[in-house]
Amino acid sequence: MKLGLTLALIACLLASFGSMAGNDRQNDRNQGAKNEQRRLAVNSPDQAVAMVQRQYQGKVLSVQSSGSGYRVKLLNNDGQVFSVSVDAATGRVSRN
């Protein structure tokens, strides 16, 4: 009887340690994602728009995520539509 109870207790302890290890792996992945965001100069579409509006006049028509950052489409006062790229890693803004 004591042996069965001991084995059950050991099994419960092992199961709880196993789930704790899984949580540690998930926490490591979450921390890696947070570190990646901290390394980027631009972390959101709103931040990209703000950077573009500091350099270019016009109404923002759209913002799209691109492979390396964001593309912001603008309409200037003359009625011309143009795009501006924002590099997420460096924060560099360039008109296309």
C-alpha atoms as a PDB file:
ATOM      1  CA  MET A   1       0.000   0.000   0.000  1.00  0.00           C
ATOM      2  CA  LYS A   2       2.773   2.426   0.946  1.00  0.00           C
ATOM      3  CA  LEU A   3       4.649   1.586  -2.247  1.00  0.00           C
ATOM      4  CA  GLY A   4       1.606   2.415  -4.399  1.00  0.00           C
ATOM      5  CA  LEU A   5       1.102   5.727  -2.611  1.00  0.00           C
ATOM      6  CA  THR A   6       4.784   6.577  -2.962  1.00  0.00           C
ATOM      7  CA  LEU A   7       4.734   5.787  -6.674  1.00  0.00           C
ATOM      8  CA  ALA A   8       1.614   7.921  -7.168  1.00  0.00           C
ATOM      9  CA  LEU A   9       3.272  10.822  -5.348  1.00  0.00           C
ATOM     10  CA  ILE A  10       6.414  10.502  -7.467  1.00  0.00           C
ATOM     11  CA  ALA A  11       4.307  10.436 -10.648  1.00  0.00           C
ATOM     12  CA  CYS A  12       2.508  13.629  -9.600  1.00  0.00           C
ATOM     13  CA  LEU A  13       5.786  15.369  -8.832  1.00  0.00           C
ATOM     14  CA  LEU A  14       7.278  14.362 -12.164  1.00  0.00           C
ATOM     15  CA  ALA A  15       4.193  15.575 -14.008  1.00  0.00           C
ATOM     16  CA  SER A  16       4.336  18.960 -12.291  1.00  0.00           C
ATOM     17  CA  PHE A  17       8.053  19.345 -13.062  1.00  0.00           C
ATOM     18  CA  GLY A  18       7.368  18.457 -16.687  1.00  0.00           C
ATOM     19  CA  SER A  19       4.740  21.169 -17.028  1.00  0.00           C
ATOM     20  CA  MET A  20       7.079  23.673 -15.393  1.00  0.00           C
ATOM     21  CA  ALA A  21       9.731  22.871 -18.006  1.00  0.00           C
ATOM     22  CA  GLY A  22       7.169  23.480 -20.745  1.00  0.00           C
ATOM     23  CA  ASN A  23       6.340  26.856 -19.229  1.00  0.00           C
ATOM     24  CA  ASP A  24      10.038  27.739 -19.186  1.00  0.00           C
ATOM     25  CA  ARG A  25      10.305  26.974 -22.913  1.00  0.00           C
ATOM     26  CA  GLN A  26       7.247  29.146 -23.632  1.00  0.00           C
ATOM     27  CA  ASN A  27       8.690  31.958 -21.498  1.00  0.00           C
ATOM     28  CA  ASP A  28      11.966  31.719 -23.426  1.00  0.00           C
ATOM     29  CA  ARG A  29      10.070  32.061 -26.742  1.00  0.00           C
ATOM     30  CA  ASN A  30       8.094  35.041 -25.411  1.00  0.00           C
ATOM     31  CA  GLN A  31      11.271  36.697 -24.170  1.00  0.00           C
ATOM     32  CA  GLY A  32      12.903  36.188 -27.578  1.00  0.00           C
ATOM     33  CA  ALA A  33       9.963  37.913 -29.278  1.00  0.00           C
ATOM     34  CA  LYS A  34      10.182  40.823 -26.826  1.00  0.00           C
ATOM     35  CA  ASN A  35      13.935  41.153 -27.444  1.00  0.00           C
ATOM     36  CA  GLU A  36      13.293  41.219 -31.199  1.00  0.00           C
ATOM     37  CA  GLN A  37      10.774  44.048 -30.784  1.00  0.00           C
ATOM     38  CA  ARG A  38      13.233  46.024 -28.648  1.00  0.00           C
ATOM     39  CA  ARG A  39      15.885  45.721 -31.347  1.00  0.00           C
ATOM     40  CA  LEU A  40      13.598  47.148 -34.020  1.00  0.00           C
ATOM     41  CA  ALA A  41      13.551  50.888 -34.579  1.00  0.00           C
ATOM     42  CA  VAL A  42       9.899  50.679 -35.699  1.00  0.00           C
ATOM     43  CA  ASN A  43       7.573  48.308 -33.838  1.00  0.00           C
ATOM     44  CA  SER A  44       4.116  49.117 -35.205  1.00  0.00           C
ATOM     45  CA  PRO A  45       2.234  50.504 -38.207  1.00  0.00           C
ATOM     46  CA  ASP A  46       1.262  53.562 -36.143  1.00  0.00           C
ATOM     47  CA  GLN A  47       4.898  54.290 -35.398  1.00  0.00           C
ATOM     48  CA  ALA A  48       5.761  53.963 -39.106  1.00  0.00           C
ATOM     49  CA  VAL A  49       2.989  56.430 -40.034  1.00  0.00           C
ATOM     50  CA  ALA A  50       4.221  58.926 -37.438  1.00  0.00           C
ATOM     51  CA  MET A  51       7.749  58.761 -38.856  1.00  0.00           C
ATOM     52  CA  VAL A  52       6.499  59.244 -42.416  1.00  0.00           C
ATOM     53  CA  GLN A  53       4.290  62.197 -41.461  1.00  0.00           C
ATOM     54  CA  ARG A  54       7.298  63.973 -39.927  1.00  0.00           C
ATOM     55  CA  GLN A  55       9.011  63.943 -43.327  1.00  0.00           C
ATOM     56  CA  TYR A  56       6.171  64.063 -45.872  1.00  0.00           C
ATOM     57  CA  GLN A  57       2.948  66.033 -46.149  1.00  0.00           C
ATOM     58  CA  GLY A  58      -0.203  64.280 -47.243  1.00  0.00           C
ATOM     59  CA  LYS A  59      -3.134  62.157 -46.268  1.00  0.00           C
ATOM     60  CA  VAL A  60      -2.309  58.570 -45.311  1.00  0.00           C
ATOM     61  CA  LEU A  61      -4.277  56.192 -47.531  1.00  0.00           C
ATOM     62  CA  SER A  62      -2.931  52.878 -46.264  1.00  0.00           C
ATOM     63  CA  VAL A  63      -0.212  51.141 -44.309  1.00  0.00           C
ATOM     64  CA  GLN A  64       0.995  47.660 -45.174  1.00  0.00           C
ATOM     65  CA  SER A  65       3.522  45.453 -43.503  1.00  0.00           C
ATOM     66  CA  SER A  66       6.316  44.469 -45.866  1.00  0.00           C
ATOM     67  CA  GLY A  67       9.090  41.942 -45.452  1.00  0.00           C
ATOM     68  CA  SER A  68      11.488  44.357 -43.799  1.00  0.00           C
ATOM     69  CA  GLY A  69       9.164  47.014 -42.451  1.00  0.00           C
ATOM     70  CA  TYR A  70       6.185  49.009 -43.640  1.00  0.00           C
ATOM     71  CA  ARG A  71       4.929  50.677 -46.799  1.00  0.00           C
ATOM     72  CA  VAL A  72       2.828  53.813 -46.325  1.00  0.00           C
ATOM     73  CA  LYS A  73       0.728  55.129 -49.211  1.00  0.00           C
ATOM     74  CA  LEU A  74       0.031  58.885 -49.186  1.00  0.00           C
ATOM     75  CA  LEU A  75      -2.010  61.411 -51.161  1.00  0.00           C
ATOM     76  CA  ASN A  76      -0.307  64.802 -51.426  1.00  0.00           C
ATOM     77  CA  ASN A  77      -1.980  68.215 -51.816  1.00  0.00           C
ATOM     78  CA  ASP A  78      -1.537  68.066 -55.626  1.00  0.00           C
ATOM     79  CA  GLY A  79      -3.592  64.860 -55.818  1.00  0.00           C
ATOM     80  CA  GLN A  80      -0.605  62.597 -56.445  1.00  0.00           C
ATOM     81  CA  VAL A  81      -0.406  59.223 -54.748  1.00  0.00           C
ATOM     82  CA  PHE A  82       3.024  58.044 -53.651  1.00  0.00           C
ATOM     83  CA  SER A  83       4.509  55.374 -51.393  1.00  0.00           C
ATOM     84  CA  VAL A  84       7.083  55.620 -48.680  1.00  0.00           C
ATOM     85  CA  SER A  85       8.990  52.668 -47.215  1.00  0.00           C
ATOM     86  CA  VAL A  86       9.980  52.455 -43.568  1.00  0.00           C
ATOM     87  CA  ASP A  87      12.683  49.962 -42.627  1.00  0.00           C
ATOM     88  CA  ALA A  88      11.659  48.440 -39.292  1.00  0.00           C
ATOM     89  CA  ALA A  89      15.200  47.571 -38.248  1.00  0.00           C
ATOM     90  CA  THR A  90      16.818  50.941 -38.889  1.00  0.00           C
ATOM     91  CA  GLY A  91      13.898  53.386 -38.986  1.00  0.00           C
ATOM     92  CA  ARG A  92      15.064  54.641 -42.388  1.00  0.00           C
ATOM     93  CA  VAL A  93      12.267  56.374 -44.334  1.00  0.00           C
ATOM     94  CA  SER A  94      12.551  56.513 -48.133  1.00  0.00           C
ATOM     95  CA  ARG A  95      10.188  57.581 -50.865  1.00  0.00           C
ATOM     96  CA  ASN A  96       9.651  55.052 -53.661  1.00  0.00           C
END
